[in-house]
Amino acid sequence: MKKIHFNSVVISATIVWSLGVLAYVSSDFVQIIEDPDLQANWVLSIALIPAASLGAHIYYRKGHETNGFLLVISIFSVVMVLDAIFTVPLIIIPYGGN
């Protein structure tokens, strides 16, 4: 098993995080169900599947040979940090989220 390439993980995680935030925020523009928070969570859950696939594709396209589980843990950790630093204080809390 090869080592993790941290720069590629950060780039992939940033793309996954950006697509997730875009999906979450854009779900407010078209209201399909009465509860907008539930709708945003559903849209985010569905959008994360192709976003995570794209993030893995971007990481592996440079020929890195890393264990997939290790890659998922690394990308998930970076996405959690980005979410805690940027998304929650700048998007969720100012609009009444908790």
N, C-alpha and C. Protein backbone atom coordinates (compact mmCIF):
# COMPACT_ATOMS: atom_id res chain seq x y z
N MET A 1 0.85 -1.18 0.00
CA MET A 1 0.00 0.00 0.00
C MET A 1 0.89 1.24 0.00
N LYS A 2 0.56 2.16 -0.84
CA LYS A 2 1.33 3.38 -0.96
C LYS A 2 0.84 4.41 0.05
N LYS A 3 1.63 5.46 0.23
CA LYS A 3 1.26 6.49 1.19
C LYS A 3 0.21 7.45 0.63
N ILE A 4 -0.42 8.19 1.52
CA ILE A 4 -1.41 9.19 1.14
C ILE A 4 -0.69 10.44 0.65
N HIS A 5 -1.17 11.00 -0.43
CA HIS A 5 -0.65 12.26 -0.96
C HIS A 5 -1.56 13.38 -0.46
N PHE A 6 -1.08 14.09 0.56
CA PHE A 6 -1.92 15.04 1.28
C PHE A 6 -2.45 16.16 0.38
N ASN A 7 -1.64 16.67 -0.52
CA ASN A 7 -2.11 17.75 -1.41
C ASN A 7 -3.28 17.30 -2.28
N SER A 8 -3.18 16.10 -2.80
CA SER A 8 -4.28 15.57 -3.63
C SER A 8 -5.53 15.31 -2.79
N VAL A 9 -5.34 14.88 -1.55
CA VAL A 9 -6.49 14.68 -0.66
C VAL A 9 -7.19 16.00 -0.38
N VAL A 10 -6.42 17.05 -0.12
CA VAL A 10 -7.02 18.36 0.16
C VAL A 10 -7.76 18.89 -1.07
N ILE A 11 -7.19 18.74 -2.24
CA ILE A 11 -7.85 19.19 -3.47
C ILE A 11 -9.14 18.42 -3.69
N SER A 12 -9.09 17.10 -3.57
CA SER A 12 -10.29 16.27 -3.75
C SER A 12 -11.35 16.58 -2.71
N ALA A 13 -10.95 16.74 -1.46
CA ALA A 13 -11.90 17.04 -0.39
C ALA A 13 -12.52 18.41 -0.57
N THR A 14 -11.75 19.37 -1.04
CA THR A 14 -12.29 20.71 -1.28
C THR A 14 -13.34 20.68 -2.38
N ILE A 15 -13.10 19.90 -3.40
CA ILE A 15 -14.10 19.77 -4.48
C ILE A 15 -15.36 19.09 -3.96
N VAL A 16 -15.21 18.03 -3.18
CA VAL A 16 -16.38 17.34 -2.61
C VAL A 16 -17.15 18.29 -1.70
N TRP A 17 -16.45 19.01 -0.86
CA TRP A 17 -17.09 19.96 0.06
C TRP A 17 -17.81 21.06 -0.72
N SER A 18 -17.18 21.59 -1.76
CA SER A 18 -17.79 22.66 -2.56
C SER A 18 -19.07 22.18 -3.24
N LEU A 19 -19.03 20.99 -3.79
CA LEU A 19 -20.24 20.45 -4.42
C LEU A 19 -21.34 20.19 -3.40
N GLY A 20 -20.96 19.74 -2.22
CA GLY A 20 -21.95 19.52 -1.16
C GLY A 20 -22.59 20.82 -0.71
N VAL A 21 -21.79 21.85 -0.51
CA VAL A 21 -22.33 23.16 -0.10
C VAL A 21 -23.21 23.72 -1.20
N LEU A 22 -22.77 23.59 -2.45
CA LEU A 22 -23.57 24.08 -3.58
C LEU A 22 -24.92 23.37 -3.64
N ALA A 23 -24.93 22.07 -3.45
CA ALA A 23 -26.19 21.31 -3.47
C ALA A 23 -27.09 21.71 -2.31
N TYR A 24 -26.50 21.88 -1.13
CA TYR A 24 -27.27 22.24 0.06
C TYR A 24 -27.92 23.62 -0.10
N VAL A 25 -27.13 24.58 -0.56
CA VAL A 25 -27.63 25.95 -0.69
C VAL A 25 -28.62 26.06 -1.85
N SER A 26 -28.34 25.39 -2.95
CA SER A 26 -29.23 25.50 -4.11
C SER A 26 -30.58 24.83 -3.88
N SER A 27 -30.67 23.95 -2.90
CA SER A 27 -31.96 23.31 -2.64
C SER A 27 -32.99 24.30 -2.09
N ASP A 28 -32.54 25.44 -1.61
CA ASP A 28 -33.48 26.46 -1.12
C ASP A 28 -34.21 27.20 -2.23
N PHE A 29 -33.68 27.14 -3.43
CA PHE A 29 -34.29 27.90 -4.53
C PHE A 29 -35.55 27.25 -5.07
N VAL A 30 -35.67 25.95 -4.98
CA VAL A 30 -36.86 25.24 -5.45
C VAL A 30 -37.40 24.43 -4.29
N GLN A 31 -38.55 24.84 -3.78
CA GLN A 31 -39.13 24.13 -2.64
C GLN A 31 -40.09 23.07 -3.13
N ILE A 32 -39.77 21.82 -2.82
CA ILE A 32 -40.60 20.69 -3.24
C ILE A 32 -41.42 20.16 -2.07
N ILE A 33 -40.79 20.07 -0.89
CA ILE A 33 -41.51 19.62 0.29
C ILE A 33 -41.61 20.79 1.27
N GLU A 34 -42.49 20.67 2.25
CA GLU A 34 -42.77 21.78 3.15
C GLU A 34 -41.61 22.12 4.08
N ASP A 35 -40.84 21.15 4.49
CA ASP A 35 -39.73 21.37 5.42
C ASP A 35 -38.44 21.63 4.63
N PRO A 36 -37.97 22.89 4.57
CA PRO A 36 -36.78 23.19 3.76
C PRO A 36 -35.51 22.55 4.29
N ASP A 37 -35.39 22.36 5.61
CA ASP A 37 -34.21 21.71 6.16
C ASP A 37 -34.15 20.24 5.77
N LEU A 38 -35.28 19.58 5.82
CA LEU A 38 -35.33 18.18 5.41
C LEU A 38 -35.01 18.05 3.92
N GLN A 39 -35.54 18.95 3.12
CA GLN A 39 -35.27 18.93 1.69
C GLN A 39 -33.78 19.14 1.42
N ALA A 40 -33.17 20.10 2.12
CA ALA A 40 -31.74 20.37 1.93
C ALA A 40 -30.91 19.15 2.32
N ASN A 41 -31.29 18.46 3.39
CA ASN A 41 -30.56 17.27 3.81
C ASN A 41 -30.71 16.13 2.80
N TRP A 42 -31.90 15.97 2.23
CA TRP A 42 -32.11 14.96 1.20
C TRP A 42 -31.27 15.25 -0.04
N VAL A 43 -31.30 16.50 -0.48
CA VAL A 43 -30.52 16.89 -1.66
C VAL A 43 -29.03 16.66 -1.41
N LEU A 44 -28.56 17.04 -0.23
CA LEU A 44 -27.16 16.84 0.11
C LEU A 44 -26.80 15.36 0.13
N SER A 45 -27.66 14.54 0.70
CA SER A 45 -27.40 13.10 0.77
C SER A 45 -27.29 12.48 -0.62
N ILE A 46 -28.14 12.92 -1.51
CA ILE A 46 -28.11 12.38 -2.88
C ILE A 46 -26.91 12.94 -3.65
N ALA A 47 -26.60 14.22 -3.45
CA ALA A 47 -25.50 14.86 -4.19
C ALA A 47 -24.13 14.38 -3.74
N LEU A 48 -24.00 13.89 -2.52
CA LEU A 48 -22.69 13.46 -2.04
C LEU A 48 -22.19 12.19 -2.71
N ILE A 49 -23.09 11.39 -3.25
CA ILE A 49 -22.66 10.15 -3.90
C ILE A 49 -21.82 10.46 -5.15
N PRO A 50 -22.34 11.25 -6.11
CA PRO A 50 -21.48 11.57 -7.25
C PRO A 50 -20.31 12.48 -6.89
N ALA A 51 -20.47 13.34 -5.88
CA ALA A 51 -19.38 14.22 -5.48
C ALA A 51 -18.22 13.41 -4.91
N ALA A 52 -18.51 12.41 -4.10
CA ALA A 52 -17.46 11.57 -3.54
C ALA A 52 -16.79 10.74 -4.64
N SER A 53 -17.56 10.28 -5.60
CA SER A 53 -16.98 9.55 -6.73
C SER A 53 -16.05 10.44 -7.53
N LEU A 54 -16.46 11.68 -7.76
CA LEU A 54 -15.62 12.63 -8.47
C LEU A 54 -14.34 12.92 -7.69
N GLY A 55 -14.46 13.09 -6.37
CA GLY A 55 -13.29 13.33 -5.55
C GLY A 55 -12.30 12.17 -5.61
N ALA A 56 -12.79 10.94 -5.57
CA ALA A 56 -11.91 9.78 -5.67
C ALA A 56 -11.27 9.71 -7.06
N HIS A 57 -12.05 10.03 -8.08
CA HIS A 57 -11.52 10.03 -9.45
C HIS A 57 -10.39 11.05 -9.59
N ILE A 58 -10.59 12.22 -9.04
CA ILE A 58 -9.57 13.27 -9.11
C ILE A 58 -8.31 12.83 -8.38
N TYR A 59 -8.47 12.17 -7.24
CA TYR A 59 -7.30 11.71 -6.49
C TYR A 59 -6.55 10.62 -7.26
N TYR A 60 -7.26 9.64 -7.77
CA TYR A 60 -6.62 8.49 -8.40
C TYR A 60 -6.14 8.76 -9.83
N ARG A 61 -6.56 9.83 -10.47
CA ARG A 61 -6.17 10.06 -11.86
C ARG A 61 -4.69 10.37 -12.00
N LYS A 62 -4.04 10.76 -10.92
CA LYS A 62 -2.61 11.04 -10.98
C LYS A 62 -1.78 9.77 -10.76
N GLY A 63 -2.43 8.64 -10.68
CA GLY A 63 -1.71 7.37 -10.54
C GLY A 63 -1.40 6.97 -9.12
N HIS A 64 -2.00 7.62 -8.15
CA HIS A 64 -1.76 7.25 -6.75
C HIS A 64 -2.38 5.88 -6.50
N GLU A 65 -1.70 5.09 -5.70
CA GLU A 65 -2.20 3.76 -5.34
C GLU A 65 -2.38 3.69 -3.83
N THR A 66 -3.48 4.23 -3.37
CA THR A 66 -3.77 4.29 -1.94
C THR A 66 -4.96 3.39 -1.65
N ASN A 67 -4.99 2.82 -0.47
CA ASN A 67 -6.12 2.03 -0.02
C ASN A 67 -7.37 2.92 -0.02
N GLY A 68 -8.46 2.43 -0.58
CA GLY A 68 -9.68 3.21 -0.69
C GLY A 68 -10.25 3.62 0.66
N PHE A 69 -10.19 2.73 1.64
CA PHE A 69 -10.71 3.06 2.97
C PHE A 69 -9.91 4.19 3.60
N LEU A 70 -8.60 4.14 3.45
CA LEU A 70 -7.73 5.19 3.97
C LEU A 70 -8.01 6.52 3.27
N LEU A 71 -8.26 6.45 1.97
CA LEU A 71 -8.59 7.66 1.22
C LEU A 71 -9.91 8.26 1.69
N VAL A 72 -10.91 7.42 1.91
CA VAL A 72 -12.22 7.90 2.37
C VAL A 72 -12.09 8.56 3.74
N ILE A 73 -11.36 7.95 4.64
CA ILE A 73 -11.17 8.53 5.97
C ILE A 73 -10.46 9.88 5.86
N SER A 74 -9.48 9.97 4.99
CA SER A 74 -8.74 11.23 4.83
C SER A 74 -9.61 12.32 4.24
N ILE A 75 -10.33 12.00 3.18
CA ILE A 75 -11.20 13.00 2.54
C ILE A 75 -12.31 13.42 3.51
N PHE A 76 -12.89 12.46 4.21
CA PHE A 76 -13.96 12.77 5.16
C PHE A 76 -13.46 13.68 6.28
N SER A 77 -12.25 13.44 6.74
CA SER A 77 -11.68 14.29 7.80
C SER A 77 -11.48 15.73 7.32
N VAL A 78 -10.96 15.90 6.12
CA VAL A 78 -10.76 17.25 5.59
C VAL A 78 -12.10 17.94 5.35
N VAL A 79 -13.07 17.21 4.83
CA VAL A 79 -14.40 17.78 4.60
C VAL A 79 -15.05 18.20 5.92
N MET A 80 -14.88 17.40 6.98
CA MET A 80 -15.43 17.78 8.29
C MET A 80 -14.81 19.06 8.81
N VAL A 81 -13.50 19.21 8.63
CA VAL A 81 -12.82 20.43 9.08
C VAL A 81 -13.30 21.63 8.28
N LEU A 82 -13.41 21.50 6.96
CA LEU A 82 -13.91 22.59 6.13
C LEU A 82 -15.35 22.96 6.50
N ASP A 83 -16.15 21.95 6.77
CA ASP A 83 -17.54 22.18 7.16
C ASP A 83 -17.61 22.92 8.49
N ALA A 84 -16.80 22.52 9.45
CA ALA A 84 -16.82 23.15 10.77
C ALA A 84 -16.28 24.58 10.73
N ILE A 85 -15.31 24.82 9.88
CA ILE A 85 -14.69 26.15 9.82
C ILE A 85 -15.52 27.14 8.99
N PHE A 86 -16.05 26.68 7.86
CA PHE A 86 -16.70 27.61 6.93
C PHE A 86 -18.21 27.47 6.86
N THR A 87 -18.71 26.27 6.62
CA THR A 87 -20.14 26.11 6.34
C THR A 87 -21.01 26.43 7.54
N VAL A 88 -20.71 25.88 8.67
CA VAL A 88 -21.57 26.07 9.84
C VAL A 88 -21.60 27.54 10.29
N PRO A 89 -20.46 28.20 10.49
CA PRO A 89 -20.55 29.59 10.97
C PRO A 89 -20.99 30.59 9.91
N LEU A 90 -20.77 30.30 8.63
CA LEU A 90 -21.08 31.29 7.60
C LEU A 90 -22.41 31.04 6.89
N ILE A 91 -22.89 29.80 6.88
CA ILE A 91 -24.12 29.50 6.14
C ILE A 91 -25.24 28.99 7.04
N ILE A 92 -24.95 28.07 7.91
CA ILE A 92 -26.00 27.43 8.71
C ILE A 92 -26.47 28.32 9.85
N ILE A 93 -25.58 28.78 10.70
CA ILE A 93 -25.97 29.53 11.90
C ILE A 93 -26.61 30.88 11.58
N PRO A 94 -26.08 31.67 10.63
CA PRO A 94 -26.73 32.97 10.37
C PRO A 94 -28.17 32.88 9.87
N TYR A 95 -28.54 31.75 9.28
CA TYR A 95 -29.90 31.61 8.78
C TYR A 95 -30.79 30.79 9.70
N GLY A 96 -30.44 30.72 10.97
CA GLY A 96 -31.30 30.10 11.96
C GLY A 96 -31.08 28.62 12.18
N GLY A 97 -30.05 28.05 11.60
CA GLY A 97 -29.76 26.64 11.84
C GLY A 97 -29.09 26.43 13.18
N ASN A 98 -29.00 25.20 13.58
CA ASN A 98 -28.33 24.92 14.86
C ASN A 98 -27.36 23.78 14.70
